[in-house]
């Protein structure tokens, strides 16, 4: 990294509640406790690594308020409520320094139809295409090779990375962040089997994405067959996630990598899907429910439920069954022995 901060600067922008030790060494990088060297910043984000703090060579360490050790010479401890959140603040400052926001304007190689409305403070990068009637809000950034379809709308402060597609009529609210290759508004997977052929059903709905949503690289969100596919405020979607037509996702959900949600399924607020979880269509997941990684869910679950396995069942029951499965070979041997004895 090409940055350098004094420990006093870091303490100021993370809001450190207490400082121990001193150093004149600037912080130039971030590293794990065990691999940090002088000039690095590290943190204690997980209690199981607590023993590594005393041996860490980091110049500055972000530590929880209840940590009782003392820094070595030329080392500084910065005490905060949550070291992981404090580190995120540091990373945000570094991100701003390494990749400053592009200046407003439209690159000469971009194609922007005259009927499109692009705010004067927005940035339209190289090879972007903005079609008829589209709207780009204040401070939004289209990096490169971004396609914005007819009548699509992008709110304030959005960031669309290279290769993003926003289909016709689809909309992003404010501060939405789309990683490279995200497709919003591809056709829903809709066909009817008619006289021996799969006939396509037109997909004429849209996708609406709320404030502060982030979507990972190469994830796809299908437009609705009719009406809307919806992603609620604050939801975070990992890489390679598939959201089918007419899905409704609530606020502040987490969908991990390679999860798939079939058509017309509804996720309540604060739902979590583990990696590779698969949901059947036309079901509802209650508020705050969780689906474990790799699980397959074909029926609705209530608020607060935690399920795992395929077919998905309550998490603790699935764990008990998994333990019992490992004992099956021995149980079969015992049954065979009993059968011989009975004979």
C-alpha atoms as a PDB file:
ATOM      1  CA  UNK A   1       0.000   0.000   0.000  1.00  0.00           C
ATOM      2  CA  UNK A   2       1.181   3.540  -0.708  1.00  0.00           C
ATOM      3  CA  UNK A   3      -0.168   5.189   2.424  1.00  0.00           C
ATOM      4  CA  UNK A   4       1.249   6.280   5.738  1.00  0.00           C
ATOM      5  CA  UNK A   5      -0.580   7.364   8.897  1.00  0.00           C
ATOM      6  CA  UNK A   6       0.671   8.277  12.343  1.00  0.00           C
ATOM      7  CA  UNK A   7      -0.856   6.396  15.241  1.00  0.00           C
ATOM      8  CA  UNK A   8      -2.365   9.700  16.404  1.00  0.00           C
ATOM      9  CA  UNK A   9      -4.164  10.072  13.058  1.00  0.00           C
ATOM     10  CA  UNK A  10      -5.502   6.521  13.280  1.00  0.00           C
ATOM     11  CA  UNK A  11      -6.640   7.081  16.858  1.00  0.00           C
ATOM     12  CA  UNK A  12      -8.506  10.210  15.754  1.00  0.00           C
ATOM     13  CA  UNK A  13     -10.467   8.731  12.879  1.00  0.00           C
ATOM     14  CA  UNK A  14     -11.411   5.489  14.675  1.00  0.00           C
ATOM     15  CA  UNK A  15     -12.337   7.313  17.879  1.00  0.00           C
ATOM     16  CA  UNK A  16      -9.969   5.362  20.146  1.00  0.00           C
ATOM     17  CA  UNK A  17     -11.165   5.497  23.767  1.00  0.00           C
ATOM     18  CA  UNK A  18      -7.749   4.867  25.283  1.00  0.00           C
ATOM     19  CA  UNK A  19      -4.157   4.815  24.056  1.00  0.00           C
ATOM     20  CA  UNK A  20      -1.167   3.021  25.583  1.00  0.00           C
ATOM     21  CA  UNK A  21       2.451   3.253  24.466  1.00  0.00           C
ATOM     22  CA  UNK A  22       4.167   5.500  21.960  1.00  0.00           C
ATOM     23  CA  UNK A  23       6.019   5.357  18.653  1.00  0.00           C
ATOM     24  CA  UNK A  24       7.291   7.616  15.904  1.00  0.00           C
ATOM     25  CA  UNK A  25       6.937   4.849  13.351  1.00  0.00           C
ATOM     26  CA  UNK A  26       4.192   5.500  10.754  1.00  0.00           C
ATOM     27  CA  UNK A  27       1.697   2.789   9.854  1.00  0.00           C
ATOM     28  CA  UNK A  28       2.029   1.711   6.214  1.00  0.00           C
ATOM     29  CA  UNK A  29       0.233  -1.642   6.027  1.00  0.00           C
ATOM     30  CA  UNK A  30      -2.194  -4.004   7.753  1.00  0.00           C
ATOM     31  CA  UNK A  31      -1.356  -7.566   8.804  1.00  0.00           C
ATOM     32  CA  UNK A  32      -2.535 -10.410  11.011  1.00  0.00           C
ATOM     33  CA  UNK A  33      -1.191 -10.524  14.567  1.00  0.00           C
ATOM     34  CA  UNK A  34       1.155 -13.435  13.884  1.00  0.00           C
ATOM     35  CA  UNK A  35       2.650 -12.062  10.644  1.00  0.00           C
ATOM     36  CA  UNK A  36       2.753  -8.329  11.402  1.00  0.00           C
ATOM     37  CA  UNK A  37       6.042  -6.448  11.236  1.00  0.00           C
ATOM     38  CA  UNK A  38       7.124  -2.972  12.385  1.00  0.00           C
ATOM     39  CA  UNK A  39       5.141  -0.437  10.380  1.00  0.00           C
ATOM     40  CA  UNK A  40       2.032  -2.635  10.313  1.00  0.00           C
ATOM     41  CA  UNK A  41      -1.358  -2.195  11.954  1.00  0.00           C
ATOM     42  CA  UNK A  42      -3.032  -5.290  13.414  1.00  0.00           C
ATOM     43  CA  UNK A  43      -6.120  -6.020  15.496  1.00  0.00           C
ATOM     44  CA  UNK A  44      -7.679  -8.518  17.895  1.00  0.00           C
ATOM     45  CA  UNK A  45     -11.018  -9.342  16.298  1.00  0.00           C
ATOM     46  CA  UNK A  46     -11.424 -12.866  17.663  1.00  0.00           C
ATOM     47  CA  UNK A  47     -10.797 -13.840  21.271  1.00  0.00           C
ATOM     48  CA  UNK A  48      -9.082 -17.106  20.294  1.00  0.00           C
ATOM     49  CA  UNK A  49      -6.095 -15.075  19.002  1.00  0.00           C
ATOM     50  CA  UNK A  50      -5.699 -13.157  22.264  1.00  0.00           C
ATOM     51  CA  UNK A  51      -2.461 -14.966  23.133  1.00  0.00           C
ATOM     52  CA  UNK A  52      -0.845 -13.685  19.919  1.00  0.00           C
ATOM     53  CA  UNK A  53      -1.067 -10.028  20.954  1.00  0.00           C
ATOM     54  CA  UNK A  54       1.898 -10.162  23.324  1.00  0.00           C
ATOM     55  CA  UNK A  55       4.199 -11.565  20.617  1.00  0.00           C
ATOM     56  CA  UNK A  56       2.981  -9.399  17.749  1.00  0.00           C
ATOM     57  CA  UNK A  57       5.563  -7.101  16.148  1.00  0.00           C
ATOM     58  CA  UNK A  58       2.918  -4.684  14.824  1.00  0.00           C
ATOM     59  CA  UNK A  59       3.563  -1.008  15.412  1.00  0.00           C
ATOM     60  CA  UNK A  60      -0.080  -0.357  16.289  1.00  0.00           C
ATOM     61  CA  UNK A  61      -2.778  -2.744  17.507  1.00  0.00           C
ATOM     62  CA  UNK A  62      -6.532  -2.245  17.752  1.00  0.00           C
ATOM     63  CA  UNK A  63      -7.676  -3.952  20.954  1.00  0.00           C
ATOM     64  CA  UNK A  64     -10.916  -4.394  22.913  1.00  0.00           C
ATOM     65  CA  UNK A  65     -11.394  -2.309  26.033  1.00  0.00           C
ATOM     66  CA  UNK A  66     -10.992  -5.311  28.335  1.00  0.00           C
ATOM     67  CA  UNK A  67      -7.493  -6.239  27.120  1.00  0.00           C
ATOM     68  CA  UNK A  68      -5.075  -5.946  30.054  1.00  0.00           C
ATOM     69  CA  UNK A  69      -1.586  -6.392  28.535  1.00  0.00           C
ATOM     70  CA  UNK A  70       1.000  -3.655  27.997  1.00  0.00           C
ATOM     71  CA  UNK A  71       2.643  -2.611  24.718  1.00  0.00           C
ATOM     72  CA  UNK A  72       6.302  -3.249  23.967  1.00  0.00           C
ATOM     73  CA  UNK A  73       8.713  -0.361  23.393  1.00  0.00           C
ATOM     74  CA  UNK A  74       7.970   1.524  20.156  1.00  0.00           C
ATOM     75  CA  UNK A  75       4.467   0.042  20.024  1.00  0.00           C
ATOM     76  CA  UNK A  76       1.003   1.544  20.528  1.00  0.00           C
ATOM     77  CA  UNK A  77      -2.226  -0.058  21.734  1.00  0.00           C
ATOM     78  CA  UNK A  78      -5.446   1.636  20.592  1.00  0.00           C
ATOM     79  CA  UNK A  79      -8.451   0.548  22.674  1.00  0.00           C
ATOM     80  CA  UNK A  80     -11.912   0.565  21.070  1.00  0.00           C
ATOM     81  CA  UNK A  81     -15.341  -1.002  21.577  1.00  0.00           C
ATOM     82  CA  UNK A  82     -15.021  -3.232  18.502  1.00  0.00           C
ATOM     83  CA  UNK A  83     -11.584  -3.718  16.885  1.00  0.00           C
ATOM     84  CA  UNK A  84     -13.084  -5.218  13.725  1.00  0.00           C
ATOM     85  CA  UNK A  85     -15.299  -2.181  13.163  1.00  0.00           C
ATOM     86  CA  UNK A  86     -12.355   0.120  13.913  1.00  0.00           C
ATOM     87  CA  UNK A  87     -10.269  -1.717  11.324  1.00  0.00           C
ATOM     88  CA  UNK A  88     -13.066  -1.228   8.797  1.00  0.00           C
ATOM     89  CA  UNK A  89     -12.836   2.528   9.394  1.00  0.00           C
ATOM     90  CA  UNK A  90      -9.099   2.407   8.755  1.00  0.00           C
ATOM     91  CA  UNK A  91      -9.638   0.406   5.564  1.00  0.00           C
ATOM     92  CA  UNK A  92     -12.250   2.918   4.399  1.00  0.00           C
ATOM     93  CA  UNK A  93      -9.739   5.735   4.828  1.00  0.00           C
ATOM     94  CA  UNK A  94      -7.093   3.744   2.929  1.00  0.00           C
ATOM     95  CA  UNK A  95      -9.597   2.961   0.168  1.00  0.00           C
ATOM     96  CA  UNK A  96     -10.298   6.663  -0.276  1.00  0.00           C
ATOM     97  CA  UNK A  97      -6.581   7.376  -0.522  1.00  0.00           C
ATOM     98  CA  UNK A  98      -5.748   4.542  -2.942  1.00  0.00           C
ATOM     99  CA  UNK A  99      -8.804   4.833  -5.168  1.00  0.00           C
ATOM    100  CA  UNK A 100     -10.144   8.382  -4.980  1.00  0.00           C
ATOM    101  CA  UNK A 101     -13.587   9.004  -6.413  1.00  0.00           C
ATOM    102  CA  UNK A 102     -13.418   9.854 -10.144  1.00  0.00           C
ATOM    103  CA  UNK A 103     -14.108  13.402 -11.195  1.00  0.00           C
ATOM    104  CA  UNK A 104     -17.560  14.253 -12.540  1.00  0.00           C
ATOM    105  CA  UNK A 105     -18.057  14.055 -16.272  1.00  0.00           C
ATOM    106  CA  UNK A 106     -18.650  11.749 -19.222  1.00  0.00           C
ATOM    107  CA  UNK A 107     -15.733   9.972 -20.871  1.00  0.00           C
ATOM    108  CA  UNK A 108     -15.433  10.636 -24.627  1.00  0.00           C
ATOM    109  CA  UNK A 109     -15.793   6.925 -25.424  1.00  0.00           C
ATOM    110  CA  UNK A 110     -19.064   6.572 -23.495  1.00  0.00           C
ATOM    111  CA  UNK A 111     -22.387   6.512 -25.371  1.00  0.00           C
ATOM    112  CA  UNK A 112     -25.067   8.529 -23.593  1.00  0.00           C
ATOM    113  CA  UNK A 113     -28.348   8.989 -25.458  1.00  0.00           C
ATOM    114  CA  UNK A 114     -29.459  12.656 -25.433  1.00  0.00           C
ATOM    115  CA  UNK A 115     -32.739  11.779 -23.705  1.00  0.00           C
ATOM    116  CA  UNK A 116     -30.890  10.286 -20.724  1.00  0.00           C
ATOM    117  CA  UNK A 117     -30.561  12.462 -17.618  1.00  0.00           C
ATOM    118  CA  UNK A 118     -27.095  12.410 -16.093  1.00  0.00           C
ATOM    119  CA  UNK A 119     -26.482  14.583 -13.042  1.00  0.00           C
ATOM    120  CA  UNK A 120     -23.616  17.017 -13.441  1.00  0.00           C
ATOM    121  CA  UNK A 121     -21.817  15.472 -10.441  1.00  0.00           C
ATOM    122  CA  UNK A 122     -21.965  11.890 -11.779  1.00  0.00           C
ATOM    123  CA  UNK A 123     -19.070  10.095 -13.473  1.00  0.00           C
ATOM    124  CA  UNK A 124     -19.609   8.035 -16.651  1.00  0.00           C
ATOM    125  CA  UNK A 125     -16.464   6.057 -17.432  1.00  0.00           C
ATOM    126  CA  UNK A 126     -14.959   4.651 -20.628  1.00  0.00           C
ATOM    127  CA  UNK A 127     -17.160   2.544 -22.945  1.00  0.00           C
ATOM    128  CA  UNK A 128     -20.279   2.918 -20.806  1.00  0.00           C
ATOM    129  CA  UNK A 129     -23.691   2.941 -22.499  1.00  0.00           C
ATOM    130  CA  UNK A 130     -26.639   4.879 -21.086  1.00  0.00           C
ATOM    131  CA  UNK A 131     -29.839   4.350 -23.051  1.00  0.00           C
ATOM    132  CA  UNK A 132     -32.982   6.363 -23.747  1.00  0.00           C
ATOM    133  CA  UNK A 133     -34.706   7.874 -20.708  1.00  0.00           C
ATOM    134  CA  UNK A 134     -32.245   6.489 -18.145  1.00  0.00           C
ATOM    135  CA  UNK A 135     -31.423   8.597 -15.076  1.00  0.00           C
ATOM    136  CA  UNK A 136     -28.081   8.788 -13.250  1.00  0.00           C
ATOM    137  CA  UNK A 137     -28.218  10.513  -9.846  1.00  0.00           C
ATOM    138  CA  UNK A 138     -25.844  12.899  -8.061  1.00  0.00           C
ATOM    139  CA  UNK A 139     -22.394  11.592  -7.262  1.00  0.00           C
ATOM    140  CA  UNK A 140     -22.934   8.183  -8.819  1.00  0.00           C
ATOM    141  CA  UNK A 141     -20.038   6.453 -10.578  1.00  0.00           C
ATOM    142  CA  UNK A 142     -20.142   4.125 -13.597  1.00  0.00           C
ATOM    143  CA  UNK A 143     -16.560   2.902 -13.853  1.00  0.00           C
ATOM    144  CA  UNK A 144     -16.139   1.284 -17.278  1.00  0.00           C
ATOM    145  CA  UNK A 145     -18.175  -0.797 -19.752  1.00  0.00           C
ATOM    146  CA  UNK A 146     -21.329  -0.371 -17.675  1.00  0.00           C
ATOM    147  CA  UNK A 147     -24.660  -0.751 -19.501  1.00  0.00           C
ATOM    148  CA  UNK A 148     -27.724   1.139 -18.276  1.00  0.00           C
ATOM    149  CA  UNK A 149     -30.913   0.215 -20.131  1.00  0.00           C
ATOM    150  CA  UNK A 150     -33.890   2.279 -21.214  1.00  0.00           C
ATOM    151  CA  UNK A 151     -35.770   4.066 -18.421  1.00  0.00           C
ATOM    152  CA  UNK A 152     -33.453   2.567 -15.788  1.00  0.00           C
ATOM    153  CA  UNK A 153     -32.817   4.709 -12.727  1.00  0.00           C
ATOM    154  CA  UNK A 154     -29.720   5.091 -10.562  1.00  0.00           C
ATOM    155  CA  UNK A 155     -29.989   7.141  -7.360  1.00  0.00           C
ATOM    156  CA  UNK A 156     -27.465   9.172  -5.438  1.00  0.00           C
ATOM    157  CA  UNK A 157     -23.971   8.002  -4.553  1.00  0.00           C
ATOM    158  CA  UNK A 158     -24.136   4.609  -6.310  1.00  0.00           C
ATOM    159  CA  UNK A 159     -20.995   2.845  -7.543  1.00  0.00           C
ATOM    160  CA  UNK A 160     -21.185   0.451 -10.511  1.00  0.00           C
ATOM    161  CA  UNK A 161     -17.942  -1.387 -11.229  1.00  0.00           C
ATOM    162  CA  UNK A 162     -16.755  -2.595 -14.638  1.00  0.00           C
ATOM    163  CA  UNK A 163     -19.068  -4.822 -16.636  1.00  0.00           C
ATOM    164  CA  UNK A 164     -22.243  -4.164 -14.653  1.00  0.00           C
ATOM    165  CA  UNK A 165     -25.576  -4.412 -16.502  1.00  0.00           C
ATOM    166  CA  UNK A 166     -28.681  -2.589 -15.283  1.00  0.00           C
ATOM    167  CA  UNK A 167     -31.595  -3.687 -17.445  1.00  0.00           C
ATOM    168  CA  UNK A 168     -34.399  -1.602 -18.881  1.00  0.00           C
ATOM    169  CA  UNK A 169     -36.781  -0.158 -16.309  1.00  0.00           C
ATOM    170  CA  UNK A 170     -34.807  -1.429 -13.319  1.00  0.00           C
ATOM    171  CA  UNK A 171     -33.793   0.868 -10.484  1.00  0.00           C
ATOM    172  CA  UNK A 172     -31.153   1.378  -7.828  1.00  0.00           C
ATOM    173  CA  UNK A 173     -31.946   3.590  -4.840  1.00  0.00           C
ATOM    174  CA  UNK A 174     -29.100   5.435  -3.084  1.00  0.00           C
ATOM    175  CA  UNK A 175     -25.547   4.307  -2.231  1.00  0.00           C
ATOM    176  CA  UNK A 176     -25.927   0.968  -3.995  1.00  0.00           C
ATOM    177  CA  UNK A 177     -22.629  -0.772  -4.768  1.00  0.00           C
ATOM    178  CA  UNK A 178     -22.439  -3.348  -7.567  1.00  0.00           C
ATOM    179  CA  UNK A 179     -19.238  -5.366  -8.013  1.00  0.00           C
ATOM    180  CA  UNK A 180     -17.875  -6.319 -11.462  1.00  0.00           C
ATOM    181  CA  UNK A 181     -20.133  -8.401 -13.670  1.00  0.00           C
ATOM    182  CA  UNK A 182     -23.370  -7.959 -11.710  1.00  0.00           C
ATOM    183  CA  UNK A 183     -26.475  -8.289 -13.880  1.00  0.00           C
ATOM    184  CA  UNK A 184     -29.662  -6.636 -12.643  1.00  0.00           C
ATOM    185  CA  UNK A 185     -32.690  -7.231 -14.835  1.00  0.00           C
ATOM    186  CA  UNK A 186     -31.870 -10.318 -16.879  1.00  0.00           C
ATOM    187  CA  UNK A 187     -34.953 -12.252 -18.005  1.00  0.00           C
ATOM    188  CA  UNK A 188     -36.595 -14.474 -15.437  1.00  0.00           C
ATOM    189  CA  UNK A 189     -36.423 -18.197 -16.235  1.00  0.00           C
ATOM    190  CA  UNK A 190     -39.995 -18.664 -17.428  1.00  0.00           C
ATOM    191  CA  UNK A 191     -41.250 -21.262 -19.929  1.00  0.00           C
ATOM    192  CA  UNK A 192     -44.408 -23.254 -20.593  1.00  0.00           C
ATOM    193  CA  UNK A 193     -44.307 -26.715 -22.154  1.00  0.00           C
ATOM    194  CA  UNK A 194     -46.650 -26.496 -25.152  1.00  0.00           C
ATOM    195  CA  UNK A 195     -47.028 -29.226 -27.785  1.00  0.00           C
ATOM    196  CA  UNK A 196     -43.632 -30.728 -27.083  1.00  0.00           C
ATOM    197  CA  UNK A 197     -41.780 -27.423 -26.927  1.00  0.00           C
ATOM    198  CA  UNK A 198     -40.622 -25.046 -24.200  1.00  0.00           C
ATOM    199  CA  UNK A 199     -42.301 -21.764 -25.096  1.00  0.00           C
ATOM    200  CA  UNK A 200     -40.801 -18.622 -23.561  1.00  0.00           C
ATOM    201  CA  UNK A 201     -42.980 -16.540 -21.246  1.00  0.00           C
ATOM    202  CA  UNK A 202     -42.208 -12.827 -21.668  1.00  0.00           C
ATOM    203  CA  UNK A 203     -40.644 -11.317 -18.550  1.00  0.00           C
ATOM    204  CA  UNK A 204     -41.992  -7.764 -18.437  1.00  0.00           C
ATOM    205  CA  UNK A 205     -41.438  -6.799 -14.781  1.00  0.00           C
ATOM    206  CA  UNK A 206     -38.513  -4.955 -13.213  1.00  0.00           C
ATOM    207  CA  UNK A 207     -35.963  -5.184 -10.407  1.00  0.00           C
ATOM    208  CA  UNK A 208     -35.949  -2.625  -7.600  1.00  0.00           C
ATOM    209  CA  UNK A 209     -32.972  -2.371  -5.249  1.00  0.00           C
ATOM    210  CA  UNK A 210     -33.139  -0.357  -2.014  1.00  0.00           C
ATOM    211  CA  UNK A 211     -30.704   1.981  -0.263  1.00  0.00           C
ATOM    212  CA  UNK A 212     -27.248   0.773   0.828  1.00  0.00           C
ATOM    213  CA  UNK A 213     -27.454  -2.614  -0.907  1.00  0.00           C
ATOM    214  CA  UNK A 214     -24.178  -4.244  -1.993  1.00  0.00           C
ATOM    215  CA  UNK A 215     -24.048  -7.053  -4.561  1.00  0.00           C
ATOM    216  CA  UNK A 216     -21.000  -9.226  -5.220  1.00  0.00           C
ATOM    217  CA  UNK A 217     -19.256 -10.030  -8.487  1.00  0.00           C
ATOM    218  CA  UNK A 218     -21.143 -11.981 -11.163  1.00  0.00           C
ATOM    219  CA  UNK A 219     -24.362 -12.229  -9.185  1.00  0.00           C
ATOM    220  CA  UNK A 220     -27.600 -12.095 -11.176  1.00  0.00           C
ATOM    221  CA  UNK A 221     -31.011 -10.718 -10.307  1.00  0.00           C
ATOM    222  CA  UNK A 222     -33.800 -11.601 -12.731  1.00  0.00           C
ATOM    223  CA  UNK A 223     -36.519  -9.178 -13.649  1.00  0.00           C
ATOM    224  CA  UNK A 224     -40.021 -10.163 -12.595  1.00  0.00           C
ATOM    225  CA  UNK A 225     -42.397 -12.004 -14.890  1.00  0.00           C
ATOM    226  CA  UNK A 226     -44.682  -9.107 -13.998  1.00  0.00           C
ATOM    227  CA  UNK A 227     -44.509  -6.511 -11.189  1.00  0.00           C
ATOM    228  CA  UNK A 228     -41.198  -6.485  -9.272  1.00  0.00           C
ATOM    229  CA  UNK A 229     -38.212  -8.423  -8.015  1.00  0.00           C
ATOM    230  CA  UNK A 230     -37.176  -6.574  -4.831  1.00  0.00           C
ATOM    231  CA  UNK A 231     -34.046  -6.310  -2.678  1.00  0.00           C
ATOM    232  CA  UNK A 232     -34.594  -4.398   0.566  1.00  0.00           C
ATOM    233  CA  UNK A 233     -32.526  -1.696   2.194  1.00  0.00           C
ATOM    234  CA  UNK A 234     -29.128  -2.671   3.575  1.00  0.00           C
ATOM    235  CA  UNK A 235     -29.081  -6.212   2.211  1.00  0.00           C
ATOM    236  CA  UNK A 236     -25.667  -7.623   1.272  1.00  0.00           C
ATOM    237  CA  UNK A 237     -25.325 -10.245  -1.471  1.00  0.00           C
ATOM    238  CA  UNK A 238     -22.100 -12.164  -2.028  1.00  0.00           C
ATOM    239  CA  UNK A 239     -20.497 -13.267  -5.311  1.00  0.00           C
ATOM    240  CA  UNK A 240     -22.213 -15.707  -7.700  1.00  0.00           C
ATOM    241  CA  UNK A 241     -25.671 -15.521  -6.150  1.00  0.00           C
ATOM    242  CA  UNK A 242     -28.783 -16.137  -8.285  1.00  0.00           C
ATOM    243  CA  UNK A 243     -32.032 -14.321  -7.484  1.00  0.00           C
ATOM    244  CA  UNK A 244     -34.954 -15.477  -9.635  1.00  0.00           C
ATOM    245  CA  UNK A 245     -37.993 -13.585 -10.886  1.00  0.00           C
ATOM    246  CA  UNK A 246     -40.481 -12.060  -8.445  1.00  0.00           C
ATOM    247  CA  UNK A 247     -38.323 -12.824  -5.419  1.00  0.00           C
ATOM    248  CA  UNK A 248     -38.771 -10.359  -2.555  1.00  0.00           C
ATOM    249  CA  UNK A 249     -35.825  -9.943  -0.178  1.00  0.00           C
ATOM    250  CA  UNK A 250     -36.316  -7.929   3.000  1.00  0.00           C
ATOM    251  CA  UNK A 251     -34.081  -5.434   4.757  1.00  0.00           C
ATOM    252  CA  UNK A 252     -30.559  -6.180   6.012  1.00  0.00           C
ATOM    253  CA  UNK A 253     -30.386  -9.773   4.796  1.00  0.00           C
ATOM    254  CA  UNK A 254     -27.122 -11.631   4.108  1.00  0.00           C
ATOM    255  CA  UNK A 255     -26.865 -14.003   1.122  1.00  0.00           C
ATOM    256  CA  UNK A 256     -23.523 -15.821   0.922  1.00  0.00           C
ATOM    257  CA  UNK A 257     -21.735 -17.028  -2.192  1.00  0.00           C
ATOM    258  CA  UNK A 258     -23.488 -19.342  -4.660  1.00  0.00           C
ATOM    259  CA  UNK A 259     -26.808 -19.205  -2.864  1.00  0.00           C
ATOM    260  CA  UNK A 260     -29.812 -19.572  -5.159  1.00  0.00           C
ATOM    261  CA  UNK A 261     -33.354 -18.325  -4.604  1.00  0.00           C
ATOM    262  CA  UNK A 262     -36.137 -19.678  -6.837  1.00  0.00           C
ATOM    263  CA  UNK A 263     -38.985 -17.624  -8.215  1.00  0.00           C
ATOM    264  CA  UNK A 264     -41.637 -15.900  -6.082  1.00  0.00           C
ATOM    265  CA  UNK A 265     -39.908 -16.728  -2.812  1.00  0.00           C
ATOM    266  CA  UNK A 266     -40.003 -14.141  -0.014  1.00  0.00           C
ATOM    267  CA  UNK A 267     -37.252 -13.530   2.534  1.00  0.00           C
ATOM    268  CA  UNK A 268     -38.187 -11.511   5.598  1.00  0.00           C
ATOM    269  CA  UNK A 269     -35.904  -8.914   7.150  1.00  0.00           C
ATOM    270  CA  UNK A 270     -32.546 -10.069   8.593  1.00  0.00           C
ATOM    271  CA  UNK A 271     -32.589 -13.494   6.913  1.00  0.00           C
ATOM    272  CA  UNK A 272     -29.206 -15.209   6.424  1.00  0.00           C
ATOM    273  CA  UNK A 273     -28.451 -17.748   3.683  1.00  0.00           C
ATOM    274  CA  UNK A 274     -25.200 -19.709   3.985  1.00  0.00           C
ATOM    275  CA  UNK A 275     -23.020 -20.408   0.956  1.00  0.00           C
ATOM    276  CA  UNK A 276     -24.611 -22.653  -1.694  1.00  0.00           C
ATOM    277  CA  UNK A 277     -27.951 -22.687   0.097  1.00  0.00           C
ATOM    278  CA  UNK A 278     -30.776 -23.397  -2.332  1.00  0.00           C
ATOM    279  CA  UNK A 279     -34.361 -22.249  -1.858  1.00  0.00           C
ATOM    280  CA  UNK A 280     -37.365 -23.650  -3.706  1.00  0.00           C
ATOM    281  CA  UNK A 281     -39.977 -21.394  -5.233  1.00  0.00           C
ATOM    282  CA  UNK A 282     -43.111 -19.846  -3.702  1.00  0.00           C
ATOM    283  CA  UNK A 283     -41.986 -20.215  -0.078  1.00  0.00           C
ATOM    284  CA  UNK A 284     -41.525 -17.692   2.741  1.00  0.00           C
ATOM    285  CA  UNK A 285     -38.648 -17.364   5.196  1.00  0.00           C
ATOM    286  CA  UNK A 286     -39.658 -15.551   8.371  1.00  0.00           C
ATOM    287  CA  UNK A 287     -37.817 -12.597   9.854  1.00  0.00           C
ATOM    288  CA  UNK A 288     -34.377 -13.430  11.212  1.00  0.00           C
ATOM    289  CA  UNK A 289     -34.362 -17.026   9.991  1.00  0.00           C
ATOM    290  CA  UNK A 290     -31.142 -18.768   8.917  1.00  0.00           C
ATOM    291  CA  UNK A 291     -30.387 -21.427   6.310  1.00  0.00           C
ATOM    292  CA  UNK A 292     -27.075 -23.248   6.667  1.00  0.00           C
ATOM    293  CA  UNK A 293     -24.465 -23.546   3.935  1.00  0.00           C
ATOM    294  CA  UNK A 294     -25.305 -26.110   1.270  1.00  0.00           C
ATOM    295  CA  UNK A 295     -28.815 -26.644   2.626  1.00  0.00           C
ATOM    296  CA  UNK A 296     -31.812 -27.261   0.390  1.00  0.00           C
ATOM    297  CA  UNK A 297     -35.081 -25.717   1.554  1.00  0.00           C
ATOM    298  CA  UNK A 298     -38.383 -26.527  -0.167  1.00  0.00           C
ATOM    299  CA  UNK A 299     -40.942 -25.302   2.374  1.00  0.00           C
ATOM    300  CA  UNK A 300     -41.594 -22.155   4.377  1.00  0.00           C
ATOM    301  CA  UNK A 301     -39.998 -21.621   7.786  1.00  0.00           C
ATOM    302  CA  UNK A 302     -41.096 -19.316  10.622  1.00  0.00           C
ATOM    303  CA  UNK A 303     -39.347 -16.277  12.039  1.00  0.00           C
ATOM    304  CA  UNK A 304     -36.145 -17.108  13.895  1.00  0.00           C
ATOM    305  CA  UNK A 305     -35.845 -20.658  12.545  1.00  0.00           C
ATOM    306  CA  UNK A 306     -32.396 -22.129  11.891  1.00  0.00           C
ATOM    307  CA  UNK A 307     -32.306 -25.016   9.412  1.00  0.00           C
ATOM    308  CA  UNK A 308     -29.626 -27.098   7.764  1.00  0.00           C
ATOM    309  CA  UNK A 309     -29.212 -30.117   5.505  1.00  0.00           C
ATOM    310  CA  UNK A 310     -31.077 -31.392   2.447  1.00  0.00           C
ATOM    311  CA  UNK A 311     -33.973 -31.502   2.845  1.00  0.00           C
ATOM    312  CA  UNK A 312     -33.517 -28.760   5.416  1.00  0.00           C
ATOM    313  CA  UNK A 313     -34.561 -29.576   8.989  1.00  0.00           C
ATOM    314  CA  UNK A 314     -33.958 -27.756  12.310  1.00  0.00           C
ATOM    315  CA  UNK A 315     -30.248 -27.176  12.770  1.00  0.00           C
ATOM    316  CA  UNK A 316     -29.734 -29.021  16.076  1.00  0.00           C
ATOM    317  CA  UNK A 317     -31.687 -32.051  14.828  1.00  0.00           C
ATOM    318  CA  UNK A 318     -29.591 -32.126  11.655  1.00  0.00           C
ATOM    319  CA  UNK A 319     -26.405 -32.018  13.741  1.00  0.00           C
ATOM    320  CA  UNK A 320     -27.605 -34.928  15.913  1.00  0.00           C
ATOM    321  CA  UNK A 321     -28.439 -36.987  12.831  1.00  0.00           C
ATOM    322  CA  UNK A 322     -25.017 -36.229  11.346  1.00  0.00           C
ATOM    323  CA  UNK A 323     -23.357 -37.600  14.496  1.00  0.00           C
ATOM    324  CA  UNK A 324     -25.545 -40.728  14.444  1.00  0.00           C
ATOM    325  CA  UNK A 325     -24.744 -41.366  10.775  1.00  0.00           C
ATOM    326  CA  UNK A 326     -21.096 -41.822  11.686  1.00  0.00           C
ATOM    327  CA  UNK A 327     -22.108 -44.617  14.063  1.00  0.00           C
ATOM    328  CA  UNK A 328     -24.158 -46.542  11.480  1.00  0.00           C
ATOM    329  CA  UNK A 329     -21.397 -49.000  10.446  1.00  0.00           C
ATOM    330  CA  UNK A 330     -20.898 -50.073  14.073  1.00  0.00           C
ATOM    331  CA  UNK A 331     -24.665 -50.324  14.609  1.00  0.00           C
ATOM    332  CA  UNK A 332     -25.011 -52.599  11.562  1.00  0.00           C
ATOM    333  CA  UNK A 333     -22.265 -54.854  12.906  1.00  0.00           C
ATOM    334  CA  UNK A 334     -24.075 -55.081  16.243  1.00  0.00           C
ATOM    335  CA  UNK A 335     -27.353 -55.939  14.505  1.00  0.00           C
ATOM    336  CA  UNK A 336     -25.643 -58.670  12.482  1.00  0.00           C
ATOM    337  CA  UNK A 337     -24.074 -60.064  15.638  1.00  0.00           C
ATOM    338  CA  UNK A 338     -27.485 -60.089  17.384  1.00  0.00           C
ATOM    339  CA  UNK A 339     -29.089 -61.828  14.385  1.00  0.00           C
ATOM    340  CA  UNK A 340     -26.476 -64.585  14.459  1.00  0.00           C
ATOM    341  CA  UNK A 341     -26.885 -64.959  18.194  1.00  0.00           C
ATOM    342  CA  UNK A 342     -30.683 -65.174  17.807  1.00  0.00           C
ATOM    343  CA  UNK A 343     -30.299 -67.917  15.190  1.00  0.00           C
END
